[in-house]
PDB file of N, CA and C in Angstrom:
ATOM      1  N   MET A   1      18.406  -7.046  16.672  1.00  0.00           N
ATOM      2  CA  MET A   1      18.706  -5.608  16.690  1.00  0.00           C
ATOM      3  C   MET A   1      17.374  -4.909  17.163  1.00  0.00           C
ATOM      4  N   ASP A   2      17.600  -3.882  17.999  1.00  0.00           N
ATOM      5  CA  ASP A   2      16.422  -3.126  18.540  1.00  0.00           C
ATOM      6  C   ASP A   2      15.885  -2.295  17.394  1.00  0.00           C
ATOM      7  N   ARG A   3      14.675  -1.827  17.580  1.00  0.00           N
ATOM      8  CA  ARG A   3      13.961  -1.025  16.523  1.00  0.00           C
ATOM      9  C   ARG A   3      14.687   0.339  16.335  1.00  0.00           C
ATOM     10  N   ALA A   4      15.115   0.856  17.374  1.00  0.00           N
ATOM     11  CA  ALA A   4      15.762   2.217  17.236  1.00  0.00           C
ATOM     12  C   ALA A   4      17.049   2.166  16.421  1.00  0.00           C
ATOM     13  N   LYS A   5      17.815   1.167  16.675  1.00  0.00           N
ATOM     14  CA  LYS A   5      19.031   1.007  15.872  1.00  0.00           C
ATOM     15  C   LYS A   5      18.741   0.703  14.436  1.00  0.00           C
ATOM     16  N   GLN A   6      17.741  -0.144  14.186  1.00  0.00           N
ATOM     17  CA  GLN A   6      17.333  -0.425  12.819  1.00  0.00           C
ATOM     18  C   GLN A   6      16.826   0.785  12.164  1.00  0.00           C
ATOM     19  N   ARG A   7      16.067   1.630  12.797  1.00  0.00           N
ATOM     20  CA  ARG A   7      15.435   2.846  12.192  1.00  0.00           C
ATOM     21  C   ARG A   7      16.595   3.822  11.899  1.00  0.00           C
ATOM     22  N   GLU A   8      17.635   3.874  12.862  1.00  0.00           N
ATOM     23  CA  GLU A   8      18.699   4.781  12.571  1.00  0.00           C
ATOM     24  C   GLU A   8      19.529   4.471  11.303  1.00  0.00           C
ATOM     25  N   ILE A   9      19.745   3.124  11.166  1.00  0.00           N
ATOM     26  CA  ILE A   9      20.493   2.639   9.994  1.00  0.00           C
ATOM     27  C   ILE A   9      19.703   3.028   8.662  1.00  0.00           C
ATOM     28  N   ALA A  10      18.422   2.633   8.737  1.00  0.00           N
ATOM     29  CA  ALA A  10      17.551   2.906   7.579  1.00  0.00           C
ATOM     30  C   ALA A  10      17.534   4.411   7.225  1.00  0.00           C
ATOM     31  N   SER A  11      17.468   5.233   8.173  1.00  0.00           N
ATOM     32  CA  SER A  11      17.445   6.680   7.948  1.00  0.00           C
ATOM     33  C   SER A  11      18.698   7.123   7.316  1.00  0.00           C
ATOM     34  N   LYS A  12      19.821   6.652   7.758  1.00  0.00           N
ATOM     35  CA  LYS A  12      21.099   6.966   7.168  1.00  0.00           C
ATOM     36  C   LYS A  12      21.158   6.517   5.707  1.00  0.00           C
ATOM     37  N   GLY A  13      20.616   5.329   5.444  1.00  0.00           N
ATOM     38  CA  GLY A  13      20.611   4.799   4.043  1.00  0.00           C
ATOM     39  C   GLY A  13      19.691   5.663   3.146  1.00  0.00           C
ATOM     40  N   GLY A  14      18.542   6.054   3.640  1.00  0.00           N
ATOM     41  CA  GLY A  14      17.613   6.881   2.926  1.00  0.00           C
ATOM     42  C   GLY A  14      18.188   8.232   2.637  1.00  0.00           C
ATOM     43  N   LYS A  15      18.872   8.886   3.544  1.00  0.00           N
ATOM     44  CA  LYS A  15      19.484  10.146   3.351  1.00  0.00           C
ATOM     45  C   LYS A  15      20.609  10.085   2.417  1.00  0.00           C
ATOM     46  N   ALA A  16      21.426   8.988   2.437  1.00  0.00           N
ATOM     47  CA  ALA A  16      22.498   8.854   1.489  1.00  0.00           C
ATOM     48  C   ALA A  16      21.976   8.611   0.066  1.00  0.00           C
ATOM     49  N   ALA A  17      20.848   7.906  -0.058  1.00  0.00           N
ATOM     50  CA  ALA A  17      20.360   7.627  -1.424  1.00  0.00           C
ATOM     51  C   ALA A  17      19.823   8.934  -1.988  1.00  0.00           C
ATOM     52  N   HIS A  18      19.184   9.765  -1.184  1.00  0.00           N
ATOM     53  CA  HIS A  18      18.733  11.087  -1.676  1.00  0.00           C
ATOM     54  C   HIS A  18      19.883  11.967  -2.064  1.00  0.00           C
ATOM     55  N   GLN A  19      20.974  11.988  -1.394  1.00  0.00           N
ATOM     56  CA  GLN A  19      22.078  12.829  -1.683  1.00  0.00           C
ATOM     57  C   GLN A  19      22.718  12.303  -2.995  1.00  0.00           C
ATOM     58  N   LYS A  20      22.800  10.976  -3.086  1.00  0.00           N
ATOM     59  CA  LYS A  20      23.303  10.392  -4.341  1.00  0.00           C
ATOM     60  C   LYS A  20      22.428  10.584  -5.539  1.00  0.00           C
ATOM     61  N   GLY A  21      21.167  10.732  -5.327  1.00  0.00           N
ATOM     62  CA  GLY A  21      20.167  10.914  -6.377  1.00  0.00           C
ATOM     63  C   GLY A  21      19.535   9.689  -6.878  1.00  0.00           C
ATOM     64  N   THR A  22      19.707   8.519  -6.132  1.00  0.00           N
ATOM     65  CA  THR A  22      19.192   7.276  -6.510  1.00  0.00           C
ATOM     66  C   THR A  22      17.934   6.854  -5.699  1.00  0.00           C
ATOM     67  N   ALA A  23      17.389   7.675  -4.794  1.00  0.00           N
ATOM     68  CA  ALA A  23      16.254   7.402  -4.007  1.00  0.00           C
ATOM     69  C   ALA A  23      14.945   7.397  -4.785  1.00  0.00           C
ATOM     70  N   HIS A  24      14.117   6.442  -4.508  1.00  0.00           N
ATOM     71  CA  HIS A  24      12.820   6.376  -5.161  1.00  0.00           C
ATOM     72  C   HIS A  24      11.937   7.517  -4.636  1.00  0.00           C
ATOM     73  N   GLU A  25      11.274   8.206  -5.480  1.00  0.00           N
ATOM     74  CA  GLU A  25      10.343   9.260  -5.094  1.00  0.00           C
ATOM     75  C   GLU A  25       9.022   8.833  -5.667  1.00  0.00           C
ATOM     76  N   TRP A  26       8.028   8.713  -4.766  1.00  0.00           N
ATOM     77  CA  TRP A  26       6.625   8.256  -5.163  1.00  0.00           C
ATOM     78  C   TRP A  26       5.882   9.358  -5.922  1.00  0.00           C
ATOM     79  N   THR A  27       5.266   8.935  -6.891  1.00  0.00           N
ATOM     80  CA  THR A  27       4.257   9.720  -7.619  1.00  0.00           C
ATOM     81  C   THR A  27       2.941   9.734  -6.784  1.00  0.00           C
ATOM     82  N   SER A  28       2.123  10.745  -6.942  1.00  0.00           N
ATOM     83  CA  SER A  28       0.873  10.725  -6.251  1.00  0.00           C
ATOM     84  C   SER A  28       0.034   9.450  -6.599  1.00  0.00           C
ATOM     85  N   GLU A  29       0.087   8.911  -7.691  1.00  0.00           N
ATOM     86  CA  GLU A  29      -0.665   7.737  -8.110  1.00  0.00           C
ATOM     87  C   GLU A  29      -0.044   6.512  -7.351  1.00  0.00           C
ATOM     88  N   GLU A  30       1.304   6.376  -7.321  1.00  0.00           N
ATOM     89  CA  GLU A  30       1.864   5.272  -6.591  1.00  0.00           C
ATOM     90  C   GLU A  30       1.497   5.327  -5.093  1.00  0.00           C
ATOM     91  N   ALA A  31       1.593   6.524  -4.538  1.00  0.00           N
ATOM     92  CA  ALA A  31       1.256   6.713  -3.081  1.00  0.00           C
ATOM     93  C   ALA A  31      -0.212   6.326  -2.833  1.00  0.00           C
ATOM     94  N   ARG A  32      -1.105   6.813  -3.689  1.00  0.00           N
ATOM     95  CA  ARG A  32      -2.534   6.498  -3.506  1.00  0.00           C
ATOM     96  C   ARG A  32      -2.745   5.003  -3.593  1.00  0.00           C
ATOM     97  N   GLU A  33      -2.159   4.321  -4.525  1.00  0.00           N
ATOM     98  CA  GLU A  33      -2.330   2.847  -4.617  1.00  0.00           C
ATOM     99  C   GLU A  33      -1.800   2.094  -3.397  1.00  0.00           C
ATOM    100  N   ALA A  34      -0.642   2.519  -2.953  1.00  0.00           N
ATOM    101  CA  ALA A  34       0.054   1.950  -1.736  1.00  0.00           C
ATOM    102  C   ALA A  34      -0.896   2.130  -0.516  1.00  0.00           C
ATOM    103  N   GLY A  35      -1.419   3.314  -0.353  1.00  0.00           N
ATOM    104  CA  GLY A  35      -2.315   3.543   0.773  1.00  0.00           C
ATOM    105  C   GLY A  35      -3.599   2.841   0.687  1.00  0.00           C
ATOM    106  N   ARG A  36      -4.129   2.612  -0.434  1.00  0.00           N
ATOM    107  CA  ARG A  36      -5.274   1.814  -0.690  1.00  0.00           C
ATOM    108  C   ARG A  36      -5.060   0.373  -0.285  1.00  0.00           C
ATOM    109  N   LYS A  37      -3.953  -0.138  -0.804  1.00  0.00           N
ATOM    110  CA  LYS A  37      -3.620  -1.511  -0.390  1.00  0.00           C
ATOM    111  C   LYS A  37      -3.375  -1.669   1.105  1.00  0.00           C
ATOM    112  N   GLY A  38      -2.797  -0.741   1.682  1.00  0.00           N
ATOM    113  CA  GLY A  38      -2.446  -0.883   3.113  1.00  0.00           C
ATOM    114  C   GLY A  38      -3.752  -0.729   3.930  1.00  0.00           C
ATOM    115  N   GLY A  39      -4.694   0.059   3.502  1.00  0.00           N
ATOM    116  CA  GLY A  39      -6.012   0.240   4.224  1.00  0.00           C
ATOM    117  C   GLY A  39      -6.824  -1.099   4.050  1.00  0.00           C
ATOM    118  N   MET A  40      -6.733  -1.664   2.831  1.00  0.00           N
ATOM    119  CA  MET A  40      -7.506  -2.854   2.670  1.00  0.00           C
ATOM    120  C   MET A  40      -6.977  -3.995   3.523  1.00  0.00           C
ATOM    121  N   ALA A  41      -5.593  -4.138   3.543  1.00  0.00           N
ATOM    122  CA  ALA A  41      -5.010  -5.177   4.397  1.00  0.00           C
ATOM    123  C   ALA A  41      -5.332  -5.047   5.880  1.00  0.00           C
ATOM    124  N   SER A  42      -5.262  -3.735   6.314  1.00  0.00           N
ATOM    125  CA  SER A  42      -5.548  -3.386   7.677  1.00  0.00           C
ATOM    126  C   SER A  42      -6.977  -3.792   7.984  1.00  0.00           C
ATOM    127  N   HIS A  43      -7.908  -3.375   7.103  1.00  0.00           N
ATOM    128  CA  HIS A  43      -9.338  -3.645   7.349  1.00  0.00           C
ATOM    129  C   HIS A  43      -9.566  -5.226   7.330  1.00  0.00           C
ATOM    130  N   ARG A  44      -8.924  -5.862   6.436  1.00  0.00           N
ATOM    131  CA  ARG A  44      -9.100  -7.311   6.425  1.00  0.00           C
ATOM    132  C   ARG A  44      -8.607  -7.949   7.656  1.00  0.00           C
ATOM    133  N   ARG A  45      -7.475  -7.583   8.181  1.00  0.00           N
ATOM    134  CA  ARG A  45      -6.946  -8.170   9.392  1.00  0.00           C
ATOM    135  C   ARG A  45      -7.855  -7.844  10.559  1.00  0.00           C
ATOM    136  N   ARG A  46      -8.390  -6.660  10.627  1.00  0.00           N
ATOM    137  CA  ARG A  46      -9.362  -6.232  11.625  1.00  0.00           C
ATOM    138  C   ARG A  46     -10.537  -7.207  11.680  1.00  0.00           C
ATOM    139  N   SER A  47     -11.104  -7.348  10.440  1.00  0.00           N
ATOM    140  CA  SER A  47     -12.294  -8.213  10.319  1.00  0.00           C
ATOM    141  C   SER A  47     -12.053  -9.617  10.748  1.00  0.00           C
ATOM    142  N   GLU A  48     -10.867 -10.136  10.396  1.00  0.00           N
ATOM    143  CA  GLU A  48     -10.559 -11.462  10.792  1.00  0.00           C
ATOM    144  C   GLU A  48     -10.359 -11.635  12.228  1.00  0.00           C
ATOM    145  N   LEU A  49      -9.801 -10.597  12.918  1.00  0.00           N
ATOM    146  CA  LEU A  49      -9.583 -10.697  14.331  1.00  0.00           C
ATOM    147  C   LEU A  49     -10.890 -10.611  15.147  1.00  0.00           C
ATOM    148  N   THR A  50     -11.801  -9.845  14.632  1.00  0.00           N
ATOM    149  CA  THR A  50     -13.098  -9.660  15.260  1.00  0.00           C
ATOM    150  C   THR A  50     -14.072 -10.778  14.922  1.00  0.00           C
ATOM    151  N   GLY A  51     -13.691 -11.632  13.963  1.00  0.00           N
ATOM    152  CA  GLY A  51     -14.604 -12.718  13.429  1.00  0.00           C
ATOM    153  C   GLY A  51     -15.719 -12.323  12.575  1.00  0.00           C
ATOM    154  N   GLN A  52     -15.606 -11.082  12.037  1.00  0.00           N
ATOM    155  CA  GLN A  52     -16.625 -10.542  11.165  1.00  0.00           C
ATOM    156  C   GLN A  52     -16.269 -10.948   9.752  1.00  0.00           C
ATOM    157  N   GLY A  53     -17.278 -10.898   8.924  1.00  0.00           N
ATOM    158  CA  GLY A  53     -17.212 -11.434   7.570  1.00  0.00           C
ATOM    159  C   GLY A  53     -15.999 -11.145   6.748  1.00  0.00           C
ATOM    160  N   SER A  54     -15.072 -12.035   6.806  1.00  0.00           N
ATOM    161  CA  SER A  54     -13.911 -11.999   5.848  1.00  0.00           C
ATOM    162  C   SER A  54     -14.414 -12.236   4.478  1.00  0.00           C
ATOM    163  N   ASP A  55     -15.469 -13.025   4.253  1.00  0.00           N
ATOM    164  CA  ASP A  55     -15.961 -13.249   2.954  1.00  0.00           C
ATOM    165  C   ASP A  55     -16.507 -11.958   2.290  1.00  0.00           C
ATOM    166  N   ASN A  56     -17.180 -11.148   3.139  1.00  0.00           N
ATOM    167  CA  ASN A  56     -17.549  -9.853   2.724  1.00  0.00           C
ATOM    168  C   ASN A  56     -16.469  -8.936   2.322  1.00  0.00           C
ATOM    169  N   ALA A  57     -15.334  -8.929   3.048  1.00  0.00           N
ATOM    170  CA  ALA A  57     -14.221  -8.105   2.737  1.00  0.00           C
ATOM    171  C   ALA A  57     -13.633  -8.522   1.421  1.00  0.00           C
ATOM    172  N   GLN A  58     -13.563  -9.805   1.175  1.00  0.00           N
ATOM    173  CA  GLN A  58     -13.053 -10.321  -0.060  1.00  0.00           C
ATOM    174  C   GLN A  58     -13.893  -9.970  -1.223  1.00  0.00           C
ATOM    175  N   ALA A  59     -15.225 -10.068  -1.092  1.00  0.00           N
ATOM    176  CA  ALA A  59     -16.145  -9.588  -2.073  1.00  0.00           C
ATOM    177  C   ALA A  59     -15.964  -8.242  -2.370  1.00  0.00           C
ATOM    178  N   ASN A  60     -15.855  -7.358  -1.413  1.00  0.00           N
ATOM    179  CA  ASN A  60     -15.680  -5.915  -1.666  1.00  0.00           C
ATOM    180  C   ASN A  60     -14.405  -5.659  -2.403  1.00  0.00           C
ATOM    181  N   GLU A  61     -13.317  -6.376  -2.019  1.00  0.00           N
ATOM    182  CA  GLU A  61     -12.038  -6.115  -2.696  1.00  0.00           C
ATOM    183  C   GLU A  61     -12.176  -6.493  -4.180  1.00  0.00           C
ATOM    184  N   ALA A  62     -12.821  -7.663  -4.446  1.00  0.00           N
ATOM    185  CA  ALA A  62     -12.962  -8.077  -5.793  1.00  0.00           C
ATOM    186  C   ALA A  62     -13.839  -7.071  -6.593  1.00  0.00           C
ATOM    187  N   SER A  63     -14.862  -6.484  -5.991  1.00  0.00           N
ATOM    188  CA  SER A  63     -15.677  -5.550  -6.663  1.00  0.00           C
ATOM    189  C   SER A  63     -14.826  -4.351  -7.011  1.00  0.00           C
ATOM    190  N   GLU A  64     -14.060  -3.819  -6.032  1.00  0.00           N
ATOM    191  CA  GLU A  64     -13.326  -2.652  -6.230  1.00  0.00           C
ATOM    192  C   GLU A  64     -12.241  -2.814  -7.302  1.00  0.00           C
ATOM    193  N   MET A  65     -11.652  -4.042  -7.434  1.00  0.00           N
ATOM    194  CA  MET A  65     -10.676  -4.369  -8.410  1.00  0.00           C
ATOM    195  C   MET A  65     -11.267  -4.375  -9.837  1.00  0.00           C
ATOM    196  N   SER A  66     -12.458  -4.930  -9.919  1.00  0.00           N
ATOM    197  CA  SER A  66     -13.004  -4.988 -11.275  1.00  0.00           C
ATOM    198  C   SER A  66     -13.495  -3.553 -11.650  1.00  0.00           C
ATOM    199  N   GLU A  67     -13.942  -2.741 -10.695  1.00  0.00           N
ATOM    200  CA  GLU A  67     -14.279  -1.382 -11.048  1.00  0.00           C
ATOM    201  C   GLU A  67     -13.021  -0.629 -11.483  1.00  0.00           C
ATOM    202  N   ARG A  68     -11.908  -0.843 -10.865  1.00  0.00           N
ATOM    203  CA  ARG A  68     -10.657  -0.160 -11.225  1.00  0.00           C
ATOM    204  C   ARG A  68     -10.183  -0.659 -12.592  1.00  0.00           C
ATOM    205  N   ASP A  69     -10.329  -1.940 -12.909  1.00  0.00           N
ATOM    206  CA  ASP A  69     -10.005  -2.456 -14.203  1.00  0.00           C
ATOM    207  C   ASP A  69     -10.742  -1.788 -15.334  1.00  0.00           C
ATOM    208  N   ASP A  70     -12.100  -1.684 -15.006  1.00  0.00           N
ATOM    209  CA  ASP A  70     -12.978  -0.995 -15.991  1.00  0.00           C
ATOM    210  C   ASP A  70     -12.571   0.367 -16.241  1.00  0.00           C
ATOM    211  N   SER A  71     -12.233   1.119 -15.215  1.00  0.00           N
ATOM    212  CA  SER A  71     -11.894   2.572 -15.407  1.00  0.00           C
ATOM    213  C   SER A  71     -10.546   2.661 -16.162  1.00  0.00           C
ATOM    214  N   SER A  72      -9.597   1.751 -15.898  1.00  0.00           N
ATOM    215  CA  SER A  72      -8.350   1.827 -16.527  1.00  0.00           C
ATOM    216  C   SER A  72      -8.441   1.550 -18.042  1.00  0.00           C
ATOM    217  N   ASN A  73      -9.323   0.604 -18.313  1.00  0.00           N
ATOM    218  CA  ASN A  73      -9.620   0.281 -19.761  1.00  0.00           C
ATOM    219  C   ASN A  73     -10.317   1.466 -20.468  1.00  0.00           C
ATOM    220  N   GLU A  74     -11.077   2.181 -19.755  1.00  0.00           N
ATOM    221  CA  GLU A  74     -11.610   3.423 -20.413  1.00  0.00           C
ATOM    222  C   GLU A  74     -10.620   4.431 -20.732  1.00  0.00           C
ATOM    223  N   GLN A  75      -9.495   4.605 -19.972  1.00  0.00           N
ATOM    224  CA  GLN A  75      -8.530   5.528 -20.185  1.00  0.00           C
ATOM    225  C   GLN A  75      -7.724   5.143 -21.354  1.00  0.00           C
ATOM    226  N   ILE A  76      -7.622   3.859 -21.627  1.00  0.00           N
ATOM    227  CA  ILE A  76      -6.729   3.390 -22.762  1.00  0.00           C
ATOM    228  C   ILE A  76      -7.422   3.571 -24.034  1.00  0.00           C
ATOM    229  N   ARG A  77      -8.748   3.499 -24.012  1.00  0.00           N
ATOM    230  CA  ARG A  77      -9.486   3.629 -25.302  1.00  0.00           C
ATOM    231  C   ARG A  77      -9.424   4.953 -25.896  1.00  0.00           C
TER     232      ARG A  77
END
């Protein structure tokens, strides 16, 4: 199936779900997290394609995840 046809079908499904009231609506926190993950994946792929430090990208990701875990623990306390 070509991309235009697939997009048209998906669009109709999304519109129908909104009319029915069953469509998912993102909170700002969900959207922020999804954008962060997408940016990290894109950056990681770009680094791998150029042959630059994928080890460094993984270290940065691990560091960010531990910082986020620490901040979420603070909110719970």
